[in-house]
């Protein structure tokens, strides 16, 4: 269903579900790598975030533009002399992942996912009532 720049509620809700599912995946990846001090590039893990964009013009939902690394936040320096990645003074560069921030984002993404699922449920209820009235 589409009317000059407007997608149907199902299309918009599904795009929101897909976007928030990807965001949940990226957040859990950040949490899982919160202690990874060496990646394939040799540096600590760098926090990632999902970049969204609107789908076309008008009311059409959301799409994923890509996954961006957080390069604005510096790595944390932690003193751990026995760590294999420690420098000569015992300092280790840790990922720029903040667990409270990730948990906050996880709650927001979960709520957004639930809201989009609720739209689909309400739409299905509306269709069911309409079909019942037509019988």
C-alpha atoms as a PDB file:
ATOM      1  CA  UNK A   1       0.000   0.000   0.000  1.00  0.00           C
ATOM      2  CA  UNK A   2       1.552   3.295  -1.047  1.00  0.00           C
ATOM      3  CA  UNK A   3       0.172   6.772  -1.610  1.00  0.00           C
ATOM      4  CA  UNK A   4       2.427   9.510  -3.068  1.00  0.00           C
ATOM      5  CA  UNK A   5       5.357   9.435  -0.657  1.00  0.00           C
ATOM      6  CA  UNK A   6       3.627   7.457   2.080  1.00  0.00           C
ATOM      7  CA  UNK A   7       4.228   3.773   2.746  1.00  0.00           C
ATOM      8  CA  UNK A   8       1.765   1.600   4.586  1.00  0.00           C
ATOM      9  CA  UNK A   9       1.995   1.104   8.333  1.00  0.00           C
ATOM     10  CA  UNK A  10       3.181  -2.464   7.888  1.00  0.00           C
ATOM     11  CA  UNK A  11       6.095  -1.413   5.668  1.00  0.00           C
ATOM     12  CA  UNK A  12       7.119   1.333   8.086  1.00  0.00           C
ATOM     13  CA  UNK A  13       6.881  -0.945  11.138  1.00  0.00           C
ATOM     14  CA  UNK A  14       8.845  -3.722   9.410  1.00  0.00           C
ATOM     15  CA  UNK A  15      11.589  -1.272   8.451  1.00  0.00           C
ATOM     16  CA  UNK A  16      11.719  -0.181  12.095  1.00  0.00           C
ATOM     17  CA  UNK A  17      11.923  -3.806  13.260  1.00  0.00           C
ATOM     18  CA  UNK A  18      14.821  -4.498  10.906  1.00  0.00           C
ATOM     19  CA  UNK A  19      16.654  -1.342  11.929  1.00  0.00           C
ATOM     20  CA  UNK A  20      16.281  -1.970  15.666  1.00  0.00           C
ATOM     21  CA  UNK A  21      17.231  -5.645  15.285  1.00  0.00           C
ATOM     22  CA  UNK A  22      20.496  -4.556  13.642  1.00  0.00           C
ATOM     23  CA  UNK A  23      21.032  -1.975  16.379  1.00  0.00           C
ATOM     24  CA  UNK A  24      20.517  -4.669  19.045  1.00  0.00           C
ATOM     25  CA  UNK A  25      23.053  -6.876  17.240  1.00  0.00           C
ATOM     26  CA  UNK A  26      25.671  -4.106  17.154  1.00  0.00           C
ATOM     27  CA  UNK A  27      25.101  -3.210  20.822  1.00  0.00           C
ATOM     28  CA  UNK A  28      25.520  -6.824  21.941  1.00  0.00           C
ATOM     29  CA  UNK A  29      28.697  -7.019  19.841  1.00  0.00           C
ATOM     30  CA  UNK A  30      29.998  -3.916  21.646  1.00  0.00           C
ATOM     31  CA  UNK A  31      29.229  -5.462  25.036  1.00  0.00           C
ATOM     32  CA  UNK A  32      30.870  -8.746  24.059  1.00  0.00           C
ATOM     33  CA  UNK A  33      34.052  -6.922  23.025  1.00  0.00           C
ATOM     34  CA  UNK A  34      34.230  -4.507  25.970  1.00  0.00           C
ATOM     35  CA  UNK A  35      37.474  -6.164  27.126  1.00  0.00           C
ATOM     36  CA  UNK A  36      39.061  -6.968  23.751  1.00  0.00           C
ATOM     37  CA  UNK A  37      42.450  -5.284  23.797  1.00  0.00           C
ATOM     38  CA  UNK A  38      43.669  -6.544  20.422  1.00  0.00           C
ATOM     39  CA  UNK A  39      41.739  -6.948  17.190  1.00  0.00           C
ATOM     40  CA  UNK A  40      42.965  -8.058  13.756  1.00  0.00           C
ATOM     41  CA  UNK A  41      44.285  -4.532  13.194  1.00  0.00           C
ATOM     42  CA  UNK A  42      46.365  -4.766  16.385  1.00  0.00           C
ATOM     43  CA  UNK A  43      44.426  -2.035  18.185  1.00  0.00           C
ATOM     44  CA  UNK A  44      41.765  -2.402  20.887  1.00  0.00           C
ATOM     45  CA  UNK A  45      38.168  -2.964  19.828  1.00  0.00           C
ATOM     46  CA  UNK A  46      36.492   0.283  18.761  1.00  0.00           C
ATOM     47  CA  UNK A  47      32.831   0.799  19.654  1.00  0.00           C
ATOM     48  CA  UNK A  48      30.395   0.632  16.737  1.00  0.00           C
ATOM     49  CA  UNK A  49      27.063   2.293  16.129  1.00  0.00           C
ATOM     50  CA  UNK A  50      24.338   1.893  13.510  1.00  0.00           C
ATOM     51  CA  UNK A  51      23.679   4.861  11.228  1.00  0.00           C
ATOM     52  CA  UNK A  52      20.073   5.169  10.085  1.00  0.00           C
ATOM     53  CA  UNK A  53      18.574   7.121   7.217  1.00  0.00           C
ATOM     54  CA  UNK A  54      15.073   7.697   5.978  1.00  0.00           C
ATOM     55  CA  UNK A  55      13.948   5.497   3.131  1.00  0.00           C
ATOM     56  CA  UNK A  56      13.352   7.863   0.235  1.00  0.00           C
ATOM     57  CA  UNK A  57      11.204  10.970   0.502  1.00  0.00           C
ATOM     58  CA  UNK A  58       7.998  11.304   2.437  1.00  0.00           C
ATOM     59  CA  UNK A  59       6.901   8.848   5.099  1.00  0.00           C
ATOM     60  CA  UNK A  60       8.613   5.615   4.113  1.00  0.00           C
ATOM     61  CA  UNK A  61      10.266   4.233   7.225  1.00  0.00           C
ATOM     62  CA  UNK A  62      13.933   3.827   7.992  1.00  0.00           C
ATOM     63  CA  UNK A  63      16.869   1.993   6.474  1.00  0.00           C
ATOM     64  CA  UNK A  64      20.384   1.266   7.634  1.00  0.00           C
ATOM     65  CA  UNK A  65      23.019   3.465   6.054  1.00  0.00           C
ATOM     66  CA  UNK A  66      25.857   1.511   7.643  1.00  0.00           C
ATOM     67  CA  UNK A  67      27.856   0.647  10.732  1.00  0.00           C
ATOM     68  CA  UNK A  68      30.186   3.395  11.935  1.00  0.00           C
ATOM     69  CA  UNK A  69      33.072   3.145  14.359  1.00  0.00           C
ATOM     70  CA  UNK A  70      33.117   5.618  17.229  1.00  0.00           C
ATOM     71  CA  UNK A  71      36.298   7.560  16.562  1.00  0.00           C
ATOM     72  CA  UNK A  72      35.354  10.530  18.749  1.00  0.00           C
ATOM     73  CA  UNK A  73      35.848   8.650  22.029  1.00  0.00           C
ATOM     74  CA  UNK A  74      39.399   7.782  23.041  1.00  0.00           C
ATOM     75  CA  UNK A  75      40.509   4.388  24.234  1.00  0.00           C
ATOM     76  CA  UNK A  76      40.729   4.040  28.009  1.00  0.00           C
ATOM     77  CA  UNK A  77      44.129   3.591  29.619  1.00  0.00           C
ATOM     78  CA  UNK A  78      44.157   1.119  32.498  1.00  0.00           C
ATOM     79  CA  UNK A  79      47.147   0.183  34.615  1.00  0.00           C
ATOM     80  CA  UNK A  80      47.625  -3.607  34.462  1.00  0.00           C
ATOM     81  CA  UNK A  81      51.362  -4.422  34.646  1.00  0.00           C
ATOM     82  CA  UNK A  82      50.887  -8.191  34.147  1.00  0.00           C
ATOM     83  CA  UNK A  83      48.686  -7.906  31.062  1.00  0.00           C
ATOM     84  CA  UNK A  84      50.239  -9.199  27.803  1.00  0.00           C
ATOM     85  CA  UNK A  85      49.261  -5.956  26.010  1.00  0.00           C
ATOM     86  CA  UNK A  86      50.766  -3.684  28.689  1.00  0.00           C
ATOM     87  CA  UNK A  87      53.395  -1.151  27.639  1.00  0.00           C
ATOM     88  CA  UNK A  88      56.711  -0.757  29.484  1.00  0.00           C
ATOM     89  CA  UNK A  89      55.004   1.294  32.227  1.00  0.00           C
ATOM     90  CA  UNK A  90      52.174  -1.247  32.697  1.00  0.00           C
ATOM     91  CA  UNK A  91      49.424   0.683  30.885  1.00  0.00           C
ATOM     92  CA  UNK A  92      46.945  -1.129  28.623  1.00  0.00           C
ATOM     93  CA  UNK A  93      44.714   0.524  26.034  1.00  0.00           C
ATOM     94  CA  UNK A  94      41.154  -0.715  26.547  1.00  0.00           C
ATOM     95  CA  UNK A  95      38.190  -0.418  24.141  1.00  0.00           C
ATOM     96  CA  UNK A  96      36.158   2.779  24.115  1.00  0.00           C
ATOM     97  CA  UNK A  97      33.057   0.832  25.168  1.00  0.00           C
ATOM     98  CA  UNK A  98      31.115   2.133  28.163  1.00  0.00           C
ATOM     99  CA  UNK A  99      28.884  -0.606  29.590  1.00  0.00           C
ATOM    100  CA  UNK A 100      26.331   1.802  31.153  1.00  0.00           C
ATOM    101  CA  UNK A 101      25.979   3.558  27.787  1.00  0.00           C
ATOM    102  CA  UNK A 102      25.582   0.251  25.956  1.00  0.00           C
ATOM    103  CA  UNK A 103      22.976  -0.980  28.443  1.00  0.00           C
ATOM    104  CA  UNK A 104      21.043   2.285  28.089  1.00  0.00           C
ATOM    105  CA  UNK A 105      21.141   1.964  24.294  1.00  0.00           C
ATOM    106  CA  UNK A 106      20.082  -1.684  24.606  1.00  0.00           C
ATOM    107  CA  UNK A 107      16.970  -0.661  26.552  1.00  0.00           C
ATOM    108  CA  UNK A 108      16.148   2.095  24.033  1.00  0.00           C
ATOM    109  CA  UNK A 109      16.547  -0.271  21.073  1.00  0.00           C
ATOM    110  CA  UNK A 110      14.443  -2.943  22.795  1.00  0.00           C
ATOM    111  CA  UNK A 111      11.661  -0.441  23.463  1.00  0.00           C
ATOM    112  CA  UNK A 112      11.760   0.806  19.866  1.00  0.00           C
ATOM    113  CA  UNK A 113      11.584  -2.795  18.624  1.00  0.00           C
ATOM    114  CA  UNK A 114       8.598  -3.445  20.903  1.00  0.00           C
ATOM    115  CA  UNK A 115       6.866  -0.280  19.669  1.00  0.00           C
ATOM    116  CA  UNK A 116       7.198  -1.384  16.038  1.00  0.00           C
ATOM    117  CA  UNK A 117       5.917  -4.856  16.941  1.00  0.00           C
ATOM    118  CA  UNK A 118       2.944  -3.219  18.688  1.00  0.00           C
ATOM    119  CA  UNK A 119       2.133  -1.286  15.502  1.00  0.00           C
ATOM    120  CA  UNK A 120       2.013  -4.571  13.576  1.00  0.00           C
ATOM    121  CA  UNK A 121      -0.205  -6.127  16.261  1.00  0.00           C
ATOM    122  CA  UNK A 122      -2.619  -3.173  16.233  1.00  0.00           C
ATOM    123  CA  UNK A 123      -2.766  -3.258  12.441  1.00  0.00           C
ATOM    124  CA  UNK A 124      -3.559  -6.984  12.517  1.00  0.00           C
ATOM    125  CA  UNK A 125      -6.303  -6.346  15.094  1.00  0.00           C
ATOM    126  CA  UNK A 126      -7.742  -3.628  12.838  1.00  0.00           C
ATOM    127  CA  UNK A 127      -7.748  -5.972   9.843  1.00  0.00           C
ATOM    128  CA  UNK A 128      -9.397  -8.730  11.917  1.00  0.00           C
ATOM    129  CA  UNK A 129     -12.158  -6.373  13.114  1.00  0.00           C
ATOM    130  CA  UNK A 130     -12.720  -5.101   9.567  1.00  0.00           C
ATOM    131  CA  UNK A 131     -13.034  -8.632   8.202  1.00  0.00           C
ATOM    132  CA  UNK A 132     -15.405  -9.553  11.021  1.00  0.00           C
ATOM    133  CA  UNK A 133     -17.625  -6.564  10.221  1.00  0.00           C
ATOM    134  CA  UNK A 134     -17.700  -7.491   6.536  1.00  0.00           C
ATOM    135  CA  UNK A 135     -19.027 -11.000   7.261  1.00  0.00           C
END
